[in-house]
Each structure stands twice: as structure tokens, then as C-alpha cells.
C-alpha atoms as a PDB file:
ATOM      1  CA  MET A   1      71.247 -81.310 216.785  1.00  0.00           C
ATOM      2  CA  THR A   2      74.382 -81.869 215.470  1.00  0.00           C
ATOM      3  CA  VAL A   3      74.145 -78.350 212.911  1.00  0.00           C
ATOM      4  CA  ALA A   4      74.643 -75.319 214.653  1.00  0.00           C
ATOM      5  CA  VAL A   5      75.227 -71.958 213.529  1.00  0.00           C
ATOM      6  CA  PRO A   6      78.984 -70.671 214.740  1.00  0.00           C
ATOM      7  CA  ALA A   7      79.493 -70.785 218.382  1.00  0.00           C
ATOM      8  CA  SER A   8      80.557 -67.444 218.714  1.00  0.00           C
ATOM      9  CA  ILE A   9      77.364 -66.183 216.649  1.00  0.00           C
ATOM     10  CA  ALA A  10      75.059 -68.605 219.237  1.00  0.00           C
ATOM     11  CA  LEU A  11      76.333 -67.541 222.742  1.00  0.00           C
ATOM     12  CA  ARG A  12      76.431 -63.552 221.297  1.00  0.00           C
ATOM     13  CA  LEU A  13      72.830 -63.984 220.569  1.00  0.00           C
ATOM     14  CA  ARG A  14      71.830 -65.878 223.608  1.00  0.00           C
ATOM     15  CA  ASP A  15      73.612 -63.300 225.898  1.00  0.00           C
ATOM     16  CA  LEU A  16      71.278 -60.574 223.952  1.00  0.00           C
ATOM     17  CA  TYR A  17      68.331 -62.538 224.962  1.00  0.00           C
ATOM     18  CA  ARG A  18      69.046 -62.766 228.370  1.00  0.00           C
ATOM     19  CA  SER A  19      69.838 -59.272 228.891  1.00  0.00           C
ATOM     20  CA  SER A  20      68.758 -56.641 226.336  1.00  0.00           C
ATOM     21  CA  CYS A  21      64.851 -56.388 228.204  1.00  0.00           C
ATOM     22  CA  SER A  22      66.109 -57.070 231.975  1.00  0.00           C
ATOM     23  CA  PRO A  23      64.336 -55.696 235.050  1.00  0.00           C
ATOM     24  CA  LYS A  24      65.052 -52.322 236.293  1.00  0.00           C
ATOM     25  CA  ALA A  25      65.833 -51.523 239.969  1.00  0.00           C
ATOM     26  CA  ASP A  26      62.566 -50.557 240.694  1.00  0.00           C
ATOM     27  CA  THR A  27      60.280 -53.222 238.584  1.00  0.00           C
ATOM     28  CA  GLU A  28      57.611 -55.092 241.223  1.00  0.00           C
ATOM     29  CA  SER A  29      59.120 -58.129 242.457  1.00  0.00           C
ATOM     30  CA  ARG A  30      57.150 -60.881 241.336  1.00  0.00           C
ATOM     31  CA  LEU A  31      57.098 -59.183 237.285  1.00  0.00           C
ATOM     32  CA  ALA A  32      61.024 -59.050 238.096  1.00  0.00           C
ATOM     33  CA  GLY A  33      61.639 -62.368 238.609  1.00  0.00           C
ATOM     34  CA  ALA A  34      58.669 -63.486 236.456  1.00  0.00           C
ATOM     35  CA  LEU A  35      61.021 -62.052 233.553  1.00  0.00           C
ATOM     36  CA  GLN A  36      64.413 -62.923 234.960  1.00  0.00           C
ATOM     37  CA  GLU A  37      63.082 -67.059 235.045  1.00  0.00           C
ATOM     38  CA  VAL A  38      61.890 -66.287 231.024  1.00  0.00           C
ATOM     39  CA  LEU A  39      65.179 -64.900 230.207  1.00  0.00           C
ATOM     40  CA  GLN A  40      67.073 -67.636 231.912  1.00  0.00           C
ATOM     41  CA  HIS A  41      65.530 -70.067 229.242  1.00  0.00           C
ATOM     42  CA  PRO A  42      66.009 -68.763 225.627  1.00  0.00           C
ATOM     43  CA  GLY A  43      65.402 -71.969 224.017  1.00  0.00           C
ATOM     44  CA  ASN A  44      66.722 -73.136 220.939  1.00  0.00           C
ATOM     45  CA  MET A  45      67.021 -69.296 219.442  1.00  0.00           C
ATOM     46  CA  ILE A  46      66.285 -70.978 215.580  1.00  0.00           C
ATOM     47  CA  ARG A  47      64.434 -67.454 214.631  1.00  0.00           C
ATOM     48  CA  ALA A  48      66.994 -65.278 216.331  1.00  0.00           C
ATOM     49  CA  GLU A  49      70.063 -67.198 214.768  1.00  0.00           C
ATOM     50  CA  LEU A  50      67.959 -66.575 210.788  1.00  0.00           C
ATOM     51  CA  ALA A  51      67.483 -62.961 211.405  1.00  0.00           C
ATOM     52  CA  PHE A  52      70.676 -62.065 212.456  1.00  0.00           C
ATOM     53  CA  ARG A  53      72.430 -63.756 209.554  1.00  0.00           C
ATOM     54  CA  LEU A  54      69.821 -62.870 207.287  1.00  0.00           C
ATOM     55  CA  GLY A  55      70.437 -59.134 208.093  1.00  0.00           C
ATOM     56  CA  ARG A  56      74.368 -59.429 207.736  1.00  0.00           C
ATOM     57  CA  SER A  57      73.777 -61.352 205.210  1.00  0.00           C
ATOM     58  CA  TYR A  58      72.142 -58.170 203.158  1.00  0.00           C
ATOM     59  CA  ASP A  59      74.650 -56.105 204.382  1.00  0.00           C
ATOM     60  CA  LEU A  60      73.080 -54.679 207.727  1.00  0.00           C
ATOM     61  CA  PRO A  61      74.476 -53.282 210.261  1.00  0.00           C
ATOM     62  CA  GLY A  62      75.754 -55.973 212.901  1.00  0.00           C
ATOM     63  CA  ALA A  63      73.868 -54.266 215.626  1.00  0.00           C
ATOM     64  CA  CYS A  64      70.778 -53.719 213.162  1.00  0.00           C
ATOM     65  CA  SER A  65      70.854 -57.567 212.583  1.00  0.00           C
ATOM     66  CA  GLU A  66      71.035 -58.116 216.845  1.00  0.00           C
ATOM     67  CA  HIS A  67      68.216 -55.963 217.349  1.00  0.00           C
ATOM     68  CA  LEU A  68      65.815 -57.794 214.671  1.00  0.00           C
ATOM     69  CA  ALA A  69      67.022 -61.015 216.204  1.00  0.00           C
ATOM     70  CA  ILE A  70      66.256 -60.567 219.581  1.00  0.00           C
ATOM     71  CA  ALA A  71      62.807 -58.728 218.629  1.00  0.00           C
ATOM     72  CA  VAL A  72      61.956 -61.910 216.672  1.00  0.00           C
ATOM     73  CA  GLU A  73      62.570 -64.465 219.737  1.00  0.00           C
ATOM     74  CA  TYR A  74      60.548 -61.668 222.248  1.00  0.00           C
ATOM     75  CA  PHE A  75      57.880 -61.843 219.907  1.00  0.00           C
ATOM     76  CA  HIS A  76      58.203 -65.774 219.930  1.00  0.00           C
ATOM     77  CA  THR A  77      58.815 -65.913 223.781  1.00  0.00           C
ATOM     78  CA  ALA A  78      55.745 -63.861 224.140  1.00  0.00           C
ATOM     79  CA  SER A  79      53.643 -65.796 222.239  1.00  0.00           C
ATOM     80  CA  LEU A  80      54.267 -68.857 224.203  1.00  0.00           C
ATOM     81  CA  LEU A  81      53.724 -66.942 227.945  1.00  0.00           C
ATOM     82  CA  PHE A  82      50.499 -66.344 226.264  1.00  0.00           C
ATOM     83  CA  ASP A  83      49.861 -69.500 224.504  1.00  0.00           C
ATOM     84  CA  ASP A  84      50.284 -71.838 228.249  1.00  0.00           C
ATOM     85  CA  LEU A  85      48.242 -69.744 230.150  1.00  0.00           C
ATOM     86  CA  PRO A  86      45.085 -71.412 231.422  1.00  0.00           C
ATOM     87  CA  CYS A  87      42.517 -70.012 229.241  1.00  0.00           C
ATOM     88  CA  MET A  88      44.697 -71.025 226.394  1.00  0.00           C
ATOM     89  CA  ASP A  89      46.761 -74.817 226.511  1.00  0.00           C
ATOM     90  CA  ASP A  90      46.754 -74.489 229.811  1.00  0.00           C
ATOM     91  CA  ALA A  91      49.901 -76.379 230.277  1.00  0.00           C
ATOM     92  CA  THR A  92      52.389 -76.598 233.387  1.00  0.00           C
ATOM     93  CA  LEU A  93      56.102 -77.303 231.278  1.00  0.00           C
ATOM     94  CA  ARG A  94      57.631 -75.104 229.126  1.00  0.00           C
ATOM     95  CA  ARG A  95      61.634 -75.261 228.043  1.00  0.00           C
ATOM     96  CA  GLY A  96      62.274 -77.915 230.610  1.00  0.00           C
ATOM     97  CA  ALA A  97      60.931 -75.879 233.323  1.00  0.00           C
ATOM     98  CA  ALA A  98      57.846 -75.081 235.326  1.00  0.00           C
ATOM     99  CA  CYS A  99      55.711 -72.357 233.055  1.00  0.00           C
ATOM    100  CA  ILE A 100      55.481 -69.088 234.506  1.00  0.00           C
ATOM    101  CA  HIS A 101      52.350 -68.457 235.333  1.00  0.00           C
ATOM    102  CA  HIS A 102      52.424 -71.549 237.625  1.00  0.00           C
ATOM    103  CA  THR A 103      55.173 -70.358 239.857  1.00  0.00           C
ATOM    104  CA  TYR A 104      54.535 -66.280 239.382  1.00  0.00           C
ATOM    105  CA  GLY A 105      50.830 -65.913 238.832  1.00  0.00           C
ATOM    106  CA  GLU A 106      48.933 -65.213 235.529  1.00  0.00           C
ATOM    107  CA  GLY A 107      49.148 -61.738 235.780  1.00  0.00           C
ATOM    108  CA  ALA A 108      52.899 -61.563 235.564  1.00  0.00           C
ATOM    109  CA  ALA A 109      53.193 -63.940 232.835  1.00  0.00           C
ATOM    110  CA  ILE A 110      50.483 -61.585 230.977  1.00  0.00           C
ATOM    111  CA  LEU A 111      53.016 -58.661 231.759  1.00  0.00           C
ATOM    112  CA  THR A 112      56.053 -60.280 231.227  1.00  0.00           C
ATOM    113  CA  ALA A 113      54.770 -61.393 227.967  1.00  0.00           C
ATOM    114  CA  LEU A 114      53.682 -57.688 227.676  1.00  0.00           C
ATOM    115  CA  ALA A 115      57.651 -56.872 228.392  1.00  0.00           C
ATOM    116  CA  LEU A 116      58.914 -58.658 226.044  1.00  0.00           C
ATOM    117  CA  VAL A 117      56.445 -57.360 222.902  1.00  0.00           C
ATOM    118  CA  ASN A 118      56.764 -53.647 224.004  1.00  0.00           C
ATOM    119  CA  HIS A 119      60.986 -54.017 224.007  1.00  0.00           C
ATOM    120  CA  ALA A 120      60.783 -56.247 221.031  1.00  0.00           C
ATOM    121  CA  TYR A 121      58.829 -53.088 219.251  1.00  0.00           C
ATOM    122  CA  GLY A 122      62.010 -51.032 220.798  1.00  0.00           C
ATOM    123  CA  LEU A 123      64.445 -53.017 219.048  1.00  0.00           C
ATOM    124  CA  LEU A 124      62.430 -53.375 215.722  1.00  0.00           C
ATOM    125  CA  TRP A 125      62.748 -49.417 215.275  1.00  0.00           C
ATOM    126  CA  LYS A 126      66.853 -49.794 216.304  1.00  0.00           C
ATOM    127  CA  GLY A 127      67.048 -52.622 213.505  1.00  0.00           C
ATOM    128  CA  VAL A 128      65.772 -50.716 210.953  1.00  0.00           C
ATOM    129  CA  ALA A 129      67.037 -47.408 212.337  1.00  0.00           C
ATOM    130  CA  HIS A 130      69.850 -47.907 208.795  1.00  0.00           C
ATOM    131  CA  SER A 131      67.461 -48.736 206.530  1.00  0.00           C
ATOM    132  CA  SER A 132      65.635 -46.941 203.722  1.00  0.00           C
ATOM    133  CA  ALA A 133      62.578 -45.059 204.296  1.00  0.00           C
ATOM    134  CA  GLU A 134      61.126 -47.104 202.285  1.00  0.00           C
ATOM    135  CA  ALA A 135      62.167 -49.666 203.681  1.00  0.00           C
ATOM    136  CA  ARG A 136      61.549 -49.044 207.118  1.00  0.00           C
ATOM    137  CA  THR A 137      57.932 -48.538 206.152  1.00  0.00           C
ATOM    138  CA  ARG A 138      57.804 -51.810 204.536  1.00  0.00           C
ATOM    139  CA  THR A 139      59.160 -53.192 207.222  1.00  0.00           C
ATOM    140  CA  LEU A 140      57.082 -52.109 210.058  1.00  0.00           C
ATOM    141  CA  GLU A 141      53.862 -52.786 207.768  1.00  0.00           C
ATOM    142  CA  TYR A 142      55.243 -56.716 207.358  1.00  0.00           C
ATOM    143  CA  VAL A 143      55.513 -57.034 211.153  1.00  0.00           C
ATOM    144  CA  GLU A 144      51.922 -55.355 212.024  1.00  0.00           C
ATOM    145  CA  HIS A 145      50.497 -57.740 209.183  1.00  0.00           C
ATOM    146  CA  GLN A 146      52.275 -61.249 210.545  1.00  0.00           C
ATOM    147  CA  LEU A 147      51.893 -60.329 214.206  1.00  0.00           C
ATOM    148  CA  GLY A 148      48.158 -58.842 213.891  1.00  0.00           C
ATOM    149  CA  LEU A 149      44.643 -59.936 212.967  1.00  0.00           C
ATOM    150  CA  ALA A 150      46.055 -61.397 209.390  1.00  0.00           C
ATOM    151  CA  GLY A 151      48.504 -63.072 211.298  1.00  0.00           C
ATOM    152  CA  LEU A 152      49.574 -64.867 214.639  1.00  0.00           C
ATOM    153  CA  LEU A 153      46.239 -63.604 216.516  1.00  0.00           C
ATOM    154  CA  ASN A 154      44.216 -64.885 213.827  1.00  0.00           C
ATOM    155  CA  GLY A 155      45.868 -67.816 213.783  1.00  0.00           C
ATOM    156  CA  GLN A 156      45.873 -68.595 217.367  1.00  0.00           C
ATOM    157  CA  SER A 157      42.076 -67.500 217.646  1.00  0.00           C
ATOM    158  CA  ARG A 158      41.047 -70.342 215.159  1.00  0.00           C
ATOM    159  CA  ASP A 159      43.583 -72.791 217.030  1.00  0.00           C
ATOM    160  CA  LEU A 160      41.420 -72.669 219.936  1.00  0.00           C
ATOM    161  CA  HIS A 161      37.883 -72.285 218.631  1.00  0.00           C
ATOM    162  CA  MET A 162      38.835 -75.294 216.392  1.00  0.00           C
ATOM    163  CA  ARG A 163      36.490 -78.175 216.790  1.00  0.00           C
ATOM    164  CA  GLU A 164      36.653 -81.946 215.767  1.00  0.00           C
ATOM    165  CA  ALA A 165      33.493 -81.211 213.077  1.00  0.00           C
ATOM    166  CA  SER A 166      36.034 -78.760 211.331  1.00  0.00           C
ATOM    167  CA  ARG A 167      39.669 -80.705 211.695  1.00  0.00           C
ATOM    168  CA  GLN A 168      40.596 -81.105 208.357  1.00  0.00           C
ATOM    169  CA  PRO A 169      43.589 -80.734 206.677  1.00  0.00           C
ATOM    170  CA  ARG A 170      43.125 -77.872 204.711  1.00  0.00           C
ATOM    171  CA  ILE A 171      41.505 -75.808 207.629  1.00  0.00           C
ATOM    172  CA  TYR A 172      44.895 -77.113 209.646  1.00  0.00           C
ATOM    173  CA  GLN A 173      47.351 -75.619 207.093  1.00  0.00           C
ATOM    174  CA  GLN A 174      45.259 -72.048 207.632  1.00  0.00           C
ATOM    175  CA  ILE A 175      46.026 -72.500 210.979  1.00  0.00           C
ATOM    176  CA  ALA A 176      49.311 -73.090 210.832  1.00  0.00           C
ATOM    177  CA  ILE A 177      50.246 -70.869 208.512  1.00  0.00           C
ATOM    178  CA  GLY A 178      48.805 -67.610 211.051  1.00  0.00           C
ATOM    179  CA  LYS A 179      50.171 -68.927 214.202  1.00  0.00           C
ATOM    180  CA  THR A 180      53.271 -70.688 213.362  1.00  0.00           C
ATOM    181  CA  VAL A 181      54.468 -69.782 209.764  1.00  0.00           C
ATOM    182  CA  SER A 182      53.905 -65.918 211.021  1.00  0.00           C
ATOM    183  CA  LEU A 183      56.969 -65.860 213.021  1.00  0.00           C
ATOM    184  CA  ILE A 184      59.166 -67.750 210.967  1.00  0.00           C
ATOM    185  CA  ARG A 185      57.926 -64.952 208.012  1.00  0.00           C
ATOM    186  CA  MET A 186      59.461 -62.731 210.678  1.00  0.00           C
ATOM    187  CA  ALA A 187      62.922 -64.090 211.071  1.00  0.00           C
ATOM    188  CA  LEU A 188      63.366 -64.648 207.368  1.00  0.00           C
ATOM    189  CA  VAL A 189      61.809 -61.896 205.483  1.00  0.00           C
ATOM    190  CA  VAL A 190      62.213 -58.788 207.951  1.00  0.00           C
ATOM    191  CA  PRO A 191      65.858 -59.107 207.878  1.00  0.00           C
ATOM    192  CA  ALA A 192      65.407 -59.249 203.611  1.00  0.00           C
ATOM    193  CA  ILE A 193      63.160 -56.351 203.937  1.00  0.00           C
ATOM    194  CA  ALA A 194      64.959 -53.829 205.869  1.00  0.00           C
ATOM    195  CA  GLY A 195      68.234 -54.779 203.945  1.00  0.00           C
ATOM    196  CA  GLY A 196      66.717 -54.034 200.636  1.00  0.00           C
ATOM    197  CA  ALA A 197      66.305 -57.391 198.742  1.00  0.00           C
ATOM    198  CA  GLY A 198      64.755 -57.368 195.900  1.00  0.00           C
ATOM    199  CA  GLU A 199      60.746 -58.396 195.831  1.00  0.00           C
ATOM    200  CA  TYR A 200      61.311 -61.634 194.270  1.00  0.00           C
ATOM    201  CA  GLU A 201      63.813 -62.965 196.317  1.00  0.00           C
ATOM    202  CA  GLN A 202      61.223 -61.847 199.499  1.00  0.00           C
ATOM    203  CA  CYS A 203      58.305 -63.730 197.534  1.00  0.00           C
ATOM    204  CA  LEU A 204      61.321 -66.516 197.537  1.00  0.00           C
ATOM    205  CA  LEU A 205      62.021 -65.771 201.230  1.00  0.00           C
ATOM    206  CA  ASP A 206      58.333 -65.562 202.116  1.00  0.00           C
ATOM    207  CA  ARG A 207      57.575 -69.222 200.455  1.00  0.00           C
ATOM    208  CA  LEU A 208      59.974 -71.029 202.362  1.00  0.00           C
ATOM    209  CA  ALA A 209      59.149 -69.314 205.150  1.00  0.00           C
ATOM    210  CA  ILE A 210      55.865 -70.876 204.529  1.00  0.00           C
ATOM    211  CA  ALA A 211      57.502 -74.468 204.079  1.00  0.00           C
ATOM    212  CA  TRP A 212      59.179 -74.447 207.061  1.00  0.00           C
ATOM    213  CA  GLY A 213      56.450 -72.980 209.249  1.00  0.00           C
ATOM    214  CA  LEU A 214      54.516 -76.473 208.306  1.00  0.00           C
ATOM    215  CA  SER A 215      57.334 -77.930 208.832  1.00  0.00           C
ATOM    216  CA  TYR A 216      57.754 -76.760 212.305  1.00  0.00           C
ATOM    217  CA  GLN A 217      54.476 -77.251 212.976  1.00  0.00           C
ATOM    218  CA  ILE A 218      53.935 -80.797 211.607  1.00  0.00           C
ATOM    219  CA  LEU A 219      56.703 -81.578 213.713  1.00  0.00           C
ATOM    220  CA  ASP A 220      56.097 -80.160 216.964  1.00  0.00           C
ATOM    221  CA  ASP A 221      52.566 -82.234 216.375  1.00  0.00           C
ATOM    222  CA  LEU A 222      54.471 -85.453 216.350  1.00  0.00           C
ATOM    223  CA  LYS A 223      56.466 -84.304 219.151  1.00  0.00           C
ATOM    224  CA  ASP A 224      52.881 -83.886 221.651  1.00  0.00           C
ATOM    225  CA  VAL A 225      51.717 -87.075 219.909  1.00  0.00           C
ATOM    226  CA  LEU A 226      55.150 -89.469 220.739  1.00  0.00           C
ATOM    227  CA  HIS A 227      57.175 -87.868 223.320  1.00  0.00           C
ATOM    228  CA  THR A 228      56.648 -87.585 227.026  1.00  0.00           C
ATOM    229  CA  ALA A 229      57.323 -84.081 228.740  1.00  0.00           C
ATOM    230  CA  LYS A 230      60.833 -85.635 229.961  1.00  0.00           C
ATOM    231  CA  ASP A 231      61.758 -85.715 225.981  1.00  0.00           C
ATOM    232  CA  SER A 232      59.953 -82.187 224.967  1.00  0.00           C
ATOM    233  CA  GLY A 233      60.588 -80.031 228.025  1.00  0.00           C
ATOM    234  CA  LYS A 234      57.193 -79.053 227.722  1.00  0.00           C
ATOM    235  CA  THR A 235      53.219 -80.432 228.048  1.00  0.00           C
ATOM    236  CA  ALA A 236      52.668 -83.035 226.140  1.00  0.00           C
ATOM    237  CA  SER A 237      49.503 -84.515 224.491  1.00  0.00           C
ATOM    238  CA  ARG A 238      47.711 -81.668 225.127  1.00  0.00           C
ATOM    239  CA  ASP A 239      46.236 -81.314 221.258  1.00  0.00           C
ATOM    240  CA  GLU A 240      44.107 -84.617 222.024  1.00  0.00           C
ATOM    241  CA  LYS A 241      42.797 -83.521 225.550  1.00  0.00           C
ATOM    242  CA  LEU A 242      41.977 -79.748 224.301  1.00  0.00           C
ATOM    243  CA  GLN A 243      40.707 -81.107 220.777  1.00  0.00           C
ATOM    244  CA  ARG A 244      43.406 -78.447 219.059  1.00  0.00           C
ATOM    245  CA  PRO A 245      44.665 -79.121 215.553  1.00  0.00           C
ATOM    246  CA  ASN A 246      47.158 -81.606 215.069  1.00  0.00           C
ATOM    247  CA  LEU A 247      48.147 -83.483 211.670  1.00  0.00           C
ATOM    248  CA  ALA A 248      49.440 -86.346 212.976  1.00  0.00           C
ATOM    249  CA  LEU A 249      46.257 -87.085 215.068  1.00  0.00           C
ATOM    250  CA  THR A 250      43.957 -86.494 211.509  1.00  0.00           C
ATOM    251  CA  ILE A 251      45.923 -88.064 209.306  1.00  0.00           C
ATOM    252  CA  GLY A 252      48.264 -90.354 211.154  1.00  0.00           C
ATOM    253  CA  VAL A 253      51.623 -90.260 212.008  1.00  0.00           C
ATOM    254  CA  GLU A 254      53.070 -91.856 208.870  1.00  0.00           C
ATOM    255  CA  ALA A 255      51.077 -89.914 206.241  1.00  0.00           C
ATOM    256  CA  SER A 256      52.347 -86.512 208.629  1.00  0.00           C
ATOM    257  CA  LEU A 257      55.823 -87.524 208.136  1.00  0.00           C
ATOM    258  CA  ARG A 258      55.021 -87.648 204.621  1.00  0.00           C
ATOM    259  CA  ARG A 259      54.155 -84.217 204.264  1.00  0.00           C
ATOM    260  CA  VAL A 260      57.332 -83.192 206.086  1.00  0.00           C
ATOM    261  CA  GLN A 261      59.607 -84.758 203.163  1.00  0.00           C
ATOM    262  CA  ARG A 262      57.265 -83.033 200.579  1.00  0.00           C
ATOM    263  CA  LEU A 263      57.993 -79.997 202.214  1.00  0.00           C
ATOM    264  CA  VAL A 264      61.331 -80.520 202.578  1.00  0.00           C
ATOM    265  CA  ASN A 265      61.505 -81.319 198.959  1.00  0.00           C
ATOM    266  CA  ILE A 266      59.829 -78.015 198.727  1.00  0.00           C
ATOM    267  CA  SER A 267      62.226 -75.946 200.868  1.00  0.00           C
ATOM    268  CA  ASP A 268      65.079 -78.059 198.418  1.00  0.00           C
ATOM    269  CA  ARG A 269      63.987 -76.489 195.356  1.00  0.00           C
ATOM    270  CA  LEU A 270      62.873 -72.844 196.989  1.00  0.00           C
ATOM    271  CA  LEU A 271      66.932 -72.817 198.207  1.00  0.00           C
ATOM    272  CA  ALA A 272      68.187 -73.373 194.484  1.00  0.00           C
ATOM    273  CA  ARG A 273      66.698 -70.477 193.452  1.00  0.00           C
ATOM    274  CA  ILE A 274      66.875 -68.673 196.321  1.00  0.00           C
ATOM    275  CA  PHE A 275      70.902 -69.466 196.533  1.00  0.00           C
ATOM    276  CA  ARG A 276      70.622 -68.123 192.371  1.00  0.00           C
ATOM    277  CA  GLN A 277      70.023 -64.702 193.465  1.00  0.00           C
ATOM    278  CA  GLN A 278      71.530 -64.394 196.601  1.00  0.00           C
ATOM    279  CA  SER A 279      74.693 -66.913 197.041  1.00  0.00           C
ATOM    280  CA  ARG A 280      75.248 -65.343 200.351  1.00  0.00           C
ATOM    281  CA  LEU A 281      72.560 -67.263 201.712  1.00  0.00           C
ATOM    282  CA  LEU A 282      74.138 -70.549 201.597  1.00  0.00           C
ATOM    283  CA  PHE A 283      73.859 -70.996 205.370  1.00  0.00           C
ATOM    284  CA  LEU A 284      69.748 -71.560 204.984  1.00  0.00           C
ATOM    285  CA  HIS A 285      70.607 -74.948 203.832  1.00  0.00           C
ATOM    286  CA  GLU A 286      71.770 -75.747 207.874  1.00  0.00           C
ATOM    287  CA  THR A 287      67.821 -75.329 208.751  1.00  0.00           C
ATOM    288  CA  LEU A 288      66.926 -78.397 206.203  1.00  0.00           C
ATOM    289  CA  ASP A 289      69.518 -80.406 207.937  1.00  0.00           C
ATOM    290  CA  ARG A 290      67.784 -79.369 211.527  1.00  0.00           C
ATOM    291  CA  PHE A 291      64.423 -80.255 210.219  1.00  0.00           C
ATOM    292  CA  ARG A 292      65.954 -83.714 209.103  1.00  0.00           C
ATOM    293  CA  HIS A 293      67.741 -84.321 212.336  1.00  0.00           C
ATOM    294  CA  GLU A 294      65.161 -83.380 214.391  1.00  0.00           C
ATOM    295  CA  MET A 295      62.487 -86.062 212.444  1.00  0.00           C
ATOM    296  CA  ALA A 296      65.559 -88.434 212.996  1.00  0.00           C
ATOM    297  CA  ALA A 297      64.914 -87.889 216.856  1.00  0.00           C
ATOM    298  CA  ILE A 298      61.130 -87.520 217.082  1.00  0.00           C
ATOM    299  CA  VAL A 299      60.397 -91.052 214.864  1.00  0.00           C
ATOM    300  CA  PRO A 300      62.278 -94.418 216.210  1.00  0.00           C
ATOM    301  CA  GLY A 301      63.450 -96.132 213.579  1.00  0.00           C
ATOM    302  CA  ALA A 302      63.703 -93.132 210.896  1.00  0.00           C
ATOM    303  CA  THR A 303      66.959 -91.793 209.645  1.00  0.00           C
ATOM    304  CA  GLU A 304      68.663 -89.235 207.958  1.00  0.00           C
ATOM    305  CA  VAL A 305      68.077 -91.896 204.601  1.00  0.00           C
ATOM    306  CA  SER A 306      65.007 -92.086 204.307  1.00  0.00           C
ATOM    307  CA  LEU A 307      64.616 -88.580 205.045  1.00  0.00           C
END
């Protein structure tokens, strides 16, 4: 993508991602190897970048913003490690490399994911250390809601047990809100709560997270249908084989693109309202540009003008 955060921020966050949860000298060798392998492939870091810049925009100290950013990214990475397991999506490729369970075994992959989750909670506590007592409580309650039975876990379980008979756009959206939107909410709303944002701003950011999370999931569905593993860096064509929810398979590629366009339009309107409340969040426009660039790259013949 051609639109990016300042290079210094991106490099700093990648360095922190690689070093914040490094294996200890006495960490068992397979667990250490698996963890080190995961940390060397940070992905696009979009959630971490958003969380960091949101935190700084709401006057959280730089270190606290970094802690929140890496916590969100570790939660996301852990979810991918679980998602790739044979009992879930049975994937072979992630971020351009062999899935961890293929290289180090399922046990090491599970323990690596748990190590990231455990460390992420520690980083969260550090991230809200300078927030008010009320903000700390609300932040941690929000995180529990998004990652727990009402959020990510429920969405993932729905995804695993969805069958063709219930393959409807409404059900699809419920699943996406659980398994994908939850982590975008973590990136956008958690720093705002920790930084003392007003309830109206939090509400707008939450609605934006829904629009962006759904957009992100549809784009991921399109990649699964249209791209090879070489193109996307992960195992392709899994949704149809495993009978998992995929909007492009349900309503078609063109209809899916139109839905993303509607979500982009909704995002534009939400951003206008957000900017009236908080002008320091103007950088959020860059994420919409990322979606446009990604759509143009996913679909042959698509152009930024048409998006």
C-alpha cells in the first residue's frame, strides 16, 4: 500500500512487536523457536498503528500508547495462531511463511498464542497506568467484552459451526462483528477510553470500527476467492472447502465490492462527524485510503476512481 504512517512510528512499533515478548534464556526450545518465528513476521501492523496514534491523539504518554498498540497486535496474532490450527481452519501458510503448528507442532503453536495473550494483558495494564481509575475500569471491561464470550470467542465459534443452510448475509455480519470487528474496536476504542474521550466520541469510533471491520472481512473474503496463496501470503480457497462464511461466495464478487463501497461511504460520513469532535484524528482518513488501494489490488480492473 502506498499510504502509510510515518516511517519512524512504523519502525518503532515493529521493533517493539519483535522484542516485547521475546523468549527467556530458559524457555523450552520448541516454544522459544515458535515464539521467535512468530515475532519475526509482524504482518501489516495496522491495528497497532491505529492504537498508537489514537492513544497519542488523546494525550496518553508515548510509552502507554506503545503498550496498548503492541497489546492489540499480540491479541490479533494469537487469534491467527488459533485460527490456523487443524481443528480450526487447518491452514498451511500465514504471512508468507509456514504456519507455526506445521513447523513446531500444535502444542507449541497453542502455547505461543497463550504466551502472546498473557503478555498482551500485562501490556494493557501498563498502557492504562496513567489513566483515571474510571478509565482503567472501563477500558478493561471493554477489552473483556470484545475478546470474551460476547465478542471474539463467540464470533469464532459461530464461524466454525456455520453450515450452508444458515449462510445468510445477516448471519455473516453477526459472525464478522464477533471475530473481526472486535479487534478493530480494540484498536480504535480502547485508546479513546483510556485517554478519557467523551461518550459520543467513543460511540462514533465504535461505529467506525464496525464499518472498517466489516470492510476488512469482506476484503479478506475476496482474497480467499480471487487470490492464490502466493498473492495473499496465506492459505487460499479455504472458506469454500471448509464451508465457512464468505460473502463473496454467498452474494458474488460484484455485490461484495458494492457492499464495501457502501461501508466506505458510511466511514466517510462517520469520519466527518469524528473530525468535528476531535481534529487530531484526521490521520484516520489514511485507513480509508488503505482500503481503496487494497480493493484496487484485489480486483483486476478496479481503480481508485471507481472506489
